[in-house]
C-alpha atoms as a PDB file:
ATOM      1  CA  MET A   1      51.911  30.129   5.116  1.00  0.00           C
ATOM      2  CA  GLU A   2      48.159  29.767   5.166  1.00  0.00           C
ATOM      3  CA  SER A   3      46.569  31.429   8.153  1.00  0.00           C
ATOM      4  CA  ARG A   4      43.285  30.329   9.689  1.00  0.00           C
ATOM      5  CA  TYR A   5      42.626  33.608  11.488  1.00  0.00           C
ATOM      6  CA  GLU A   6      39.706  35.794  10.510  1.00  0.00           C
ATOM      7  CA  LEU A   7      40.647  38.836   8.424  1.00  0.00           C
ATOM      8  CA  ILE A   8      38.640  42.029   8.278  1.00  0.00           C
ATOM      9  CA  ILE A   9      39.408  43.842   5.023  1.00  0.00           C
ATOM     10  CA  TYR A  10      38.222  47.317   4.101  1.00  0.00           C
ATOM     11  CA  TRP A  11      39.121  50.220   1.848  1.00  0.00           C
ATOM     12  CA  SER A  12      40.476  53.333   3.549  1.00  0.00           C
ATOM     13  CA  LYS A  13      39.517  56.381   1.532  1.00  0.00           C
ATOM     14  CA  ASP A  14      41.842  58.558   3.629  1.00  0.00           C
ATOM     15  CA  ASP A  15      44.867  56.303   3.073  1.00  0.00           C
ATOM     16  CA  GLN A  16      43.865  55.113  -0.412  1.00  0.00           C
ATOM     17  CA  ARG A  17      44.818  51.573   0.676  1.00  0.00           C
ATOM     18  CA  PHE A  18      43.149  48.331   1.642  1.00  0.00           C
ATOM     19  CA  ILE A  19      43.446  47.770   5.394  1.00  0.00           C
ATOM     20  CA  VAL A  20      43.406  44.298   6.949  1.00  0.00           C
ATOM     21  CA  GLU A  21      42.853  43.682  10.657  1.00  0.00           C
ATOM     22  CA  VAL A  22      43.269  40.352  12.473  1.00  0.00           C
ATOM     23  CA  PRO A  23      40.937  40.688  15.489  1.00  0.00           C
ATOM     24  CA  GLU A  24      42.197  37.554  17.274  1.00  0.00           C
ATOM     25  CA  LEU A  25      45.777  38.873  17.320  1.00  0.00           C
ATOM     26  CA  PRO A  26      45.805  42.248  19.107  1.00  0.00           C
ATOM     27  CA  GLY A  27      47.530  44.962  17.111  1.00  0.00           C
ATOM     28  CA  CYS A  28      48.000  42.711  14.085  1.00  0.00           C
ATOM     29  CA  MET A  29      47.141  44.591  10.918  1.00  0.00           C
ATOM     30  CA  ALA A  30      48.584  45.431   7.509  1.00  0.00           C
ATOM     31  CA  ASP A  31      47.724  47.340   4.366  1.00  0.00           C
ATOM     32  CA  GLY A  32      48.299  47.265   0.634  1.00  0.00           C
ATOM     33  CA  ALA A  33      47.611  49.182  -2.555  1.00  0.00           C
ATOM     34  CA  SER A  34      45.563  46.239  -3.855  1.00  0.00           C
ATOM     35  CA  TYR A  35      43.327  43.733  -2.116  1.00  0.00           C
ATOM     36  CA  GLN A  36      45.750  40.882  -2.826  1.00  0.00           C
ATOM     37  CA  GLU A  37      48.779  42.879  -1.712  1.00  0.00           C
ATOM     38  CA  ALA A  38      47.028  43.697   1.575  1.00  0.00           C
ATOM     39  CA  VAL A  39      46.208  40.023   2.194  1.00  0.00           C
ATOM     40  CA  ASN A  40      49.760  38.937   1.295  1.00  0.00           C
ATOM     41  CA  ASN A  41      51.224  41.567   3.628  1.00  0.00           C
ATOM     42  CA  THR A  42      48.900  40.374   6.376  1.00  0.00           C
ATOM     43  CA  GLU A  43      50.122  36.785   6.032  1.00  0.00           C
ATOM     44  CA  THR A  44      53.664  38.056   6.624  1.00  0.00           C
ATOM     45  CA  ILE A  45      52.586  40.127   9.620  1.00  0.00           C
ATOM     46  CA  ILE A  46      50.664  37.199  11.129  1.00  0.00           C
ATOM     47  CA  ALA A  47      53.774  34.998  10.888  1.00  0.00           C
ATOM     48  CA  GLU A  48      55.855  37.720  12.557  1.00  0.00           C
ATOM     49  CA  TRP A  49      53.211  38.262  15.260  1.00  0.00           C
ATOM     50  CA  LEU A  50      53.133  34.532  16.074  1.00  0.00           C
ATOM     51  CA  GLU A  51      56.932  34.262  16.084  1.00  0.00           C
ATOM     52  CA  THR A  52      57.272  37.252  18.410  1.00  0.00           C
ATOM     53  CA  ALA A  53      54.580  35.932  20.767  1.00  0.00           C
ATOM     54  CA  GLN A  54      56.357  32.578  20.933  1.00  0.00           C
ATOM     55  CA  VAL A  55      59.747  34.193  21.676  1.00  0.00           C
ATOM     56  CA  LEU A  56      58.159  36.304  24.433  1.00  0.00           C
ATOM     57  CA  GLY A  57      56.351  33.290  25.900  1.00  0.00           C
ATOM     58  CA  ARG A  58      52.914  34.763  25.267  1.00  0.00           C
ATOM     59  CA  THR A  59      49.796  32.707  24.700  1.00  0.00           C
ATOM     60  CA  ILE A  60      48.980  32.211  21.040  1.00  0.00           C
ATOM     61  CA  PRO A  61      45.234  32.045  20.450  1.00  0.00           C
ATOM     62  CA  GLU A  62      43.827  29.235  18.356  1.00  0.00           C
ATOM     63  CA  PRO A  63      41.904  30.469  15.309  1.00  0.00           C
ATOM     64  CA  ALA A  64      38.268  30.588  16.357  1.00  0.00           C
ATOM     65  CA  GLY A  65      36.722  30.769  12.914  1.00  0.00           C
ATOM     66  CA  ARG A  66      34.044  33.270  12.092  1.00  0.00           C
ATOM     67  CA  LEU A  67      33.891  35.974  14.759  1.00  0.00           C
ATOM     68  CA  MET A  68      31.853  38.743  13.175  1.00  0.00           C
ATOM     69  CA  TYR A  69      28.763  38.893  11.031  1.00  0.00           C
ATOM     70  CA  ALA A  70      28.147  41.417   8.292  1.00  0.00           C
END
């Protein structure tokens, strides 16, 4: 699956892991030992988030594109 949602990726010194947050999907985040692993894990979590929202009848936001500026 290729997601169109914005990902915020950062290194957590405390956890020694890359953390990925998906701001458009509340509570949707994942981690990984490598950058690529974190992104791959996030794709799985996004799919699960969307599936759960659909089952619960919740609104699924359309990807808005770039939300934040560095």
